[in-house]
Amino acid sequence: MIRVDADLTDELSSAFPQLTPRHHRAQTTLTGRVADQEELQGVLNLLSSLGITVVEVLTIPDD
């Protein structure tokens, strides 16, 4: 789960097709599977390049 300090529009959310956006007051959480550290870093780099602050990154264990 990646929590960002922004309310991502549908257009911005579409930049992360592997993640599902959930909107909260002025924040969005993106949840989904990333294949490895390299893909995670790519997502984080893209968020940064869009000027979006990442507030939290969590690993959610499989049930």
PDB file of N, CA and C in Angstrom:
ATOM      1  N   MET A   1       0.852  -1.167   0.000  1.00  0.00           N
ATOM      2  CA  MET A   1       0.000   0.000   0.000  1.00  0.00           C
ATOM      3  C   MET A   1       0.893   1.223   0.000  1.00  0.00           C
ATOM      4  N   ILE A   2       0.589   2.159  -0.848  1.00  0.00           N
ATOM      5  CA  ILE A   2       1.333   3.417  -0.933  1.00  0.00           C
ATOM      6  C   ILE A   2       0.336   4.533  -0.659  1.00  0.00           C
ATOM      7  N   ARG A   3       0.590   5.320   0.373  1.00  0.00           N
ATOM      8  CA  ARG A   3      -0.285   6.459   0.684  1.00  0.00           C
ATOM      9  C   ARG A   3       0.436   7.728   0.236  1.00  0.00           C
ATOM     10  N   VAL A   4      -0.277   8.547  -0.522  1.00  0.00           N
ATOM     11  CA  VAL A   4       0.302   9.795  -1.019  1.00  0.00           C
ATOM     12  C   VAL A   4      -0.504  10.969  -0.492  1.00  0.00           C
ATOM     13  N   ASP A   5       0.151  12.103  -0.391  1.00  0.00           N
ATOM     14  CA  ASP A   5      -0.472  13.316   0.123  1.00  0.00           C
ATOM     15  C   ASP A   5      -1.065  14.114  -1.034  1.00  0.00           C
ATOM     16  N   ALA A   6      -2.029  13.500  -1.714  1.00  0.00           N
ATOM     17  CA  ALA A   6      -2.686  14.138  -2.855  1.00  0.00           C
ATOM     18  C   ALA A   6      -3.959  13.377  -3.161  1.00  0.00           C
ATOM     19  N   ASP A   7      -4.910  14.066  -3.735  1.00  0.00           N
ATOM     20  CA  ASP A   7      -6.124  13.423  -4.207  1.00  0.00           C
ATOM     21  C   ASP A   7      -5.912  13.191  -5.701  1.00  0.00           C
ATOM     22  N   LEU A   8      -5.457  11.994  -6.071  1.00  0.00           N
ATOM     23  CA  LEU A   8      -5.113  11.716  -7.462  1.00  0.00           C
ATOM     24  C   LEU A   8      -6.361  11.697  -8.334  1.00  0.00           C
ATOM     25  N   THR A   9      -6.271  12.362  -9.466  1.00  0.00           N
ATOM     26  CA  THR A   9      -7.349  12.327 -10.447  1.00  0.00           C
ATOM     27  C   THR A   9      -7.357  10.956 -11.117  1.00  0.00           C
ATOM     28  N   ASP A  10      -8.417  10.659 -11.839  1.00  0.00           N
ATOM     29  CA  ASP A  10      -8.482   9.401 -12.584  1.00  0.00           C
ATOM     30  C   ASP A  10      -7.344   9.316 -13.598  1.00  0.00           C
ATOM     31  N   GLU A  11      -7.012  10.445 -14.211  1.00  0.00           N
ATOM     32  CA  GLU A  11      -5.933  10.478 -15.201  1.00  0.00           C
ATOM     33  C   GLU A  11      -4.596  10.112 -14.558  1.00  0.00           C
ATOM     34  N   LEU A  12      -4.300  10.708 -13.395  1.00  0.00           N
ATOM     35  CA  LEU A  12      -3.051  10.372 -12.712  1.00  0.00           C
ATOM     36  C   LEU A  12      -3.064   8.934 -12.220  1.00  0.00           C
ATOM     37  N   SER A  13      -4.186   8.473 -11.703  1.00  0.00           N
ATOM     38  CA  SER A  13      -4.292   7.097 -11.226  1.00  0.00           C
ATOM     39  C   SER A  13      -4.040   6.101 -12.350  1.00  0.00           C
ATOM     40  N   SER A  14      -4.420   6.461 -13.568  1.00  0.00           N
ATOM     41  CA  SER A  14      -4.233   5.555 -14.705  1.00  0.00           C
ATOM     42  C   SER A  14      -2.756   5.344 -15.034  1.00  0.00           C
ATOM     43  N   ALA A  15      -1.874   6.173 -14.484  1.00  0.00           N
ATOM     44  CA  ALA A  15      -0.432   5.986 -14.680  1.00  0.00           C
ATOM     45  C   ALA A  15       0.081   4.776 -13.911  1.00  0.00           C
ATOM     46  N   PHE A  16      -0.752   4.230 -13.023  1.00  0.00           N
ATOM     47  CA  PHE A  16      -0.375   3.085 -12.196  1.00  0.00           C
ATOM     48  C   PHE A  16      -1.402   1.970 -12.400  1.00  0.00           C
ATOM     49  N   PRO A  17      -1.410   1.336 -13.576  1.00  0.00           N
ATOM     50  CA  PRO A  17      -2.468   0.372 -13.891  1.00  0.00           C
ATOM     51  C   PRO A  17      -2.480  -0.856 -12.982  1.00  0.00           C
ATOM     52  N   GLN A  18      -1.360  -1.166 -12.362  1.00  0.00           N
ATOM     53  CA  GLN A  18      -1.289  -2.332 -11.484  1.00  0.00           C
ATOM     54  C   GLN A  18      -1.800  -2.036 -10.079  1.00  0.00           C
ATOM     55  N   LEU A  19      -2.157  -0.777  -9.799  1.00  0.00           N
ATOM     56  CA  LEU A  19      -2.588  -0.372  -8.462  1.00  0.00           C
ATOM     57  C   LEU A  19      -4.020   0.156  -8.494  1.00  0.00           C
ATOM     58  N   THR A  20      -4.747  -0.068  -7.415  1.00  0.00           N
ATOM     59  CA  THR A  20      -6.134   0.380  -7.292  1.00  0.00           C
ATOM     60  C   THR A  20      -6.188   1.596  -6.364  1.00  0.00           C
ATOM     61  N   PRO A  21      -6.677   2.729  -6.863  1.00  0.00           N
ATOM     62  CA  PRO A  21      -6.749   3.919  -6.010  1.00  0.00           C
ATOM     63  C   PRO A  21      -7.970   3.891  -5.097  1.00  0.00           C
ATOM     64  N   ARG A  22      -7.789   4.378  -3.889  1.00  0.00           N
ATOM     65  CA  ARG A  22      -8.890   4.601  -2.945  1.00  0.00           C
ATOM     66  C   ARG A  22      -8.693   6.011  -2.395  1.00  0.00           C
ATOM     67  N   HIS A  23      -9.682   6.840  -2.589  1.00  0.00           N
ATOM     68  CA  HIS A  23      -9.550   8.241  -2.219  1.00  0.00           C
ATOM     69  C   HIS A  23     -10.024   8.476  -0.783  1.00  0.00           C
ATOM     70  N   HIS A  24      -9.245   9.259  -0.068  1.00  0.00           N
ATOM     71  CA  HIS A  24      -9.551   9.682   1.294  1.00  0.00           C
ATOM     72  C   HIS A  24      -9.388  11.199   1.302  1.00  0.00           C
ATOM     73  N   ARG A  25      -9.828  11.849   2.326  1.00  0.00           N
ATOM     74  CA  ARG A  25      -9.714  13.310   2.380  1.00  0.00           C
ATOM     75  C   ARG A  25      -8.301  13.769   2.033  1.00  0.00           C
ATOM     76  N   ALA A  26      -8.164  14.354   0.870  1.00  0.00           N
ATOM     77  CA  ALA A  26      -6.899  14.939   0.391  1.00  0.00           C
ATOM     78  C   ALA A  26      -5.754  13.937   0.336  1.00  0.00           C
ATOM     79  N   GLN A  27      -6.062  12.649   0.374  1.00  0.00           N
ATOM     80  CA  GLN A  27      -5.042  11.615   0.227  1.00  0.00           C
ATOM     81  C   GLN A  27      -5.604  10.499  -0.632  1.00  0.00           C
ATOM     82  N   THR A  28      -4.708   9.701  -1.174  1.00  0.00           N
ATOM     83  CA  THR A  28      -5.099   8.535  -1.950  1.00  0.00           C
ATOM     84  C   THR A  28      -4.205   7.384  -1.533  1.00  0.00           C
ATOM     85  N   THR A  29      -4.772   6.196  -1.402  1.00  0.00           N
ATOM     86  CA  THR A  29      -3.950   5.002  -1.207  1.00  0.00           C
ATOM     87  C   THR A  29      -4.004   4.196  -2.493  1.00  0.00           C
ATOM     88  N   LEU A  30      -2.860   3.706  -2.906  1.00  0.00           N
ATOM     89  CA  LEU A  30      -2.739   2.861  -4.088  1.00  0.00           C
ATOM     90  C   LEU A  30      -2.375   1.468  -3.596  1.00  0.00           C
ATOM     91  N   THR A  31      -3.203   0.491  -3.876  1.00  0.00           N
ATOM     92  CA  THR A  31      -2.919  -0.867  -3.426  1.00  0.00           C
ATOM     93  C   THR A  31      -2.857  -1.800  -4.622  1.00  0.00           C
ATOM     94  N   GLY A  32      -2.031  -2.802  -4.507  1.00  0.00           N
ATOM     95  CA  GLY A  32      -1.898  -3.790  -5.570  1.00  0.00           C
ATOM     96  C   GLY A  32      -0.569  -4.498  -5.443  1.00  0.00           C
ATOM     97  N   ARG A  33      -0.328  -5.366  -6.372  1.00  0.00           N
ATOM     98  CA  ARG A  33       0.920  -6.127  -6.358  1.00  0.00           C
ATOM     99  C   ARG A  33       1.970  -5.431  -7.225  1.00  0.00           C
ATOM    100  N   VAL A  34       3.167  -5.369  -6.704  1.00  0.00           N
ATOM    101  CA  VAL A  34       4.321  -4.966  -7.509  1.00  0.00           C
ATOM    102  C   VAL A  34       5.259  -6.164  -7.525  1.00  0.00           C
ATOM    103  N   ALA A  35       5.851  -6.416  -8.670  1.00  0.00           N
ATOM    104  CA  ALA A  35       6.623  -7.646  -8.876  1.00  0.00           C
ATOM    105  C   ALA A  35       7.863  -7.729  -8.003  1.00  0.00           C
ATOM    106  N   ASP A  36       8.543  -6.582  -7.832  1.00  0.00           N
ATOM    107  CA  ASP A  36       9.810  -6.615  -7.117  1.00  0.00           C
ATOM    108  C   ASP A  36      10.199  -5.194  -6.709  1.00  0.00           C
ATOM    109  N   GLN A  37      11.343  -5.063  -6.082  1.00  0.00           N
ATOM    110  CA  GLN A  37      11.833  -3.760  -5.621  1.00  0.00           C
ATOM    111  C   GLN A  37      12.010  -2.783  -6.785  1.00  0.00           C
ATOM    112  N   GLU A  38      12.420  -3.298  -7.925  1.00  0.00           N
ATOM    113  CA  GLU A  38      12.632  -2.438  -9.092  1.00  0.00           C
ATOM    114  C   GLU A  38      11.317  -1.799  -9.547  1.00  0.00           C
ATOM    115  N   GLU A  39      10.243  -2.591  -9.581  1.00  0.00           N
ATOM    116  CA  GLU A  39       8.948  -2.036  -9.970  1.00  0.00           C
ATOM    117  C   GLU A  39       8.453  -1.037  -8.920  1.00  0.00           C
ATOM    118  N   LEU A  40       8.637  -1.358  -7.647  1.00  0.00           N
ATOM    119  CA  LEU A  40       8.250  -0.431  -6.573  1.00  0.00           C
ATOM    120  C   LEU A  40       9.004   0.883  -6.724  1.00  0.00           C
ATOM    121  N   GLN A  41      10.295   0.805  -6.975  1.00  0.00           N
ATOM    122  CA  GLN A  41      11.090   2.025  -7.135  1.00  0.00           C
ATOM    123  C   GLN A  41      10.612   2.834  -8.334  1.00  0.00           C
ATOM    124  N   GLY A  42      10.201   2.156  -9.394  1.00  0.00           N
ATOM    125  CA  GLY A  42       9.655   2.844 -10.563  1.00  0.00           C
ATOM    126  C   GLY A  42       8.389   3.606 -10.223  1.00  0.00           C
ATOM    127  N   VAL A  43       7.501   2.983  -9.441  1.00  0.00           N
ATOM    128  CA  VAL A  43       6.268   3.656  -9.014  1.00  0.00           C
ATOM    129  C   VAL A  43       6.609   4.872  -8.160  1.00  0.00           C
ATOM    130  N   LEU A  44       7.515   4.698  -7.200  1.00  0.00           N
ATOM    131  CA  LEU A  44       7.899   5.808  -6.322  1.00  0.00           C
ATOM    132  C   LEU A  44       8.560   6.935  -7.110  1.00  0.00           C
ATOM    133  N   ASN A  45       9.401   6.593  -8.082  1.00  0.00           N
ATOM    134  CA  ASN A  45      10.052   7.612  -8.910  1.00  0.00           C
ATOM    135  C   ASN A  45       9.028   8.387  -9.736  1.00  0.00           C
ATOM    136  N   LEU A  46       8.023   7.678 -10.281  1.00  0.00           N
ATOM    137  CA  LEU A  46       7.003   8.354 -11.071  1.00  0.00           C
ATOM    138  C   LEU A  46       6.183   9.295 -10.195  1.00  0.00           C
ATOM    139  N   LEU A  47       5.802   8.844  -9.009  1.00  0.00           N
ATOM    140  CA  LEU A  47       5.076   9.720  -8.085  1.00  0.00           C
ATOM    141  C   LEU A  47       5.899  10.974  -7.785  1.00  0.00           C
ATOM    142  N   SER A  48       7.172  10.794  -7.522  1.00  0.00           N
ATOM    143  CA  SER A  48       8.054  11.925  -7.224  1.00  0.00           C
ATOM    144  C   SER A  48       8.148  12.875  -8.414  1.00  0.00           C
ATOM    145  N   SER A  49       8.285  12.323  -9.610  1.00  0.00           N
ATOM    146  CA  SER A  49       8.413  13.178 -10.798  1.00  0.00           C
ATOM    147  C   SER A  49       7.129  13.962 -11.068  1.00  0.00           C
ATOM    148  N   LEU A  50       5.988  13.457 -10.575  1.00  0.00           N
ATOM    149  CA  LEU A  50       4.716  14.161 -10.718  1.00  0.00           C
ATOM    150  C   LEU A  50       4.496  15.163  -9.590  1.00  0.00           C
ATOM    151  N   GLY A  51       5.462  15.263  -8.670  1.00  0.00           N
ATOM    152  CA  GLY A  51       5.361  16.209  -7.567  1.00  0.00           C
ATOM    153  C   GLY A  51       4.447  15.730  -6.458  1.00  0.00           C
ATOM    154  N   ILE A  52       4.228  14.419  -6.373  1.00  0.00           N
ATOM    155  CA  ILE A  52       3.333  13.849  -5.367  1.00  0.00           C
ATOM    156  C   ILE A  52       4.165  13.309  -4.216  1.00  0.00           C
ATOM    157  N   THR A  53       3.851  13.748  -3.016  1.00  0.00           N
ATOM    158  CA  THR A  53       4.571  13.330  -1.821  1.00  0.00           C
ATOM    159  C   THR A  53       4.050  11.980  -1.339  1.00  0.00           C
ATOM    160  N   VAL A  54       4.954  11.027  -1.161  1.00  0.00           N
ATOM    161  CA  VAL A  54       4.597   9.724  -0.596  1.00  0.00           C
ATOM    162  C   VAL A  54       4.636   9.859   0.918  1.00  0.00           C
ATOM    163  N   VAL A  55       3.533   9.516   1.567  1.00  0.00           N
ATOM    164  CA  VAL A  55       3.412   9.628   3.009  1.00  0.00           C
ATOM    165  C   VAL A  55       3.807   8.321   3.684  1.00  0.00           C
ATOM    166  N   GLU A  56       3.478   7.189   3.047  1.00  0.00           N
ATOM    167  CA  GLU A  56       3.664   5.894   3.694  1.00  0.00           C
ATOM    168  C   GLU A  56       3.704   4.801   2.632  1.00  0.00           C
ATOM    169  N   VAL A  57       4.557   3.797   2.853  1.00  0.00           N
ATOM    170  CA  VAL A  57       4.594   2.596   2.040  1.00  0.00           C
ATOM    171  C   VAL A  57       4.539   1.410   2.981  1.00  0.00           C
ATOM    172  N   LEU A  58       3.565   0.530   2.792  1.00  0.00           N
ATOM    173  CA  LEU A  58       3.400  -0.631   3.656  1.00  0.00           C
ATOM    174  C   LEU A  58       3.343  -1.912   2.825  1.00  0.00           C
ATOM    175  N   THR A  59       3.905  -2.969   3.360  1.00  0.00           N
ATOM    176  CA  THR A  59       3.736  -4.295   2.804  1.00  0.00           C
ATOM    177  C   THR A  59       2.585  -4.958   3.534  1.00  0.00           C
ATOM    178  N   ILE A  60       1.594  -5.394   2.798  1.00  0.00           N
ATOM    179  CA  ILE A  60       0.449  -6.079   3.389  1.00  0.00           C
ATOM    180  C   ILE A  60       0.600  -7.567   3.088  1.00  0.00           C
ATOM    181  N   PRO A  61       0.752  -8.391   4.133  1.00  0.00           N
ATOM    182  CA  PRO A  61       0.955  -9.829   3.901  1.00  0.00           C
ATOM    183  C   PRO A  61      -0.257 -10.475   3.234  1.00  0.00           C
ATOM    184  N   ASP A  62       0.020 -11.503   2.422  1.00  0.00           N
ATOM    185  CA  ASP A  62      -1.054 -12.298   1.838  1.00  0.00           C
ATOM    186  C   ASP A  62      -1.731 -13.098   2.931  1.00  0.00           C
ATOM    187  N   ASP A  63      -3.027 -13.293   2.790  1.00  0.00           N
ATOM    188  CA  ASP A  63      -3.758 -14.106   3.768  1.00  0.00           C
ATOM    189  C   ASP A  63      -3.625 -15.571   3.450  1.00  0.00           C
TER     190      ASP A  63
END
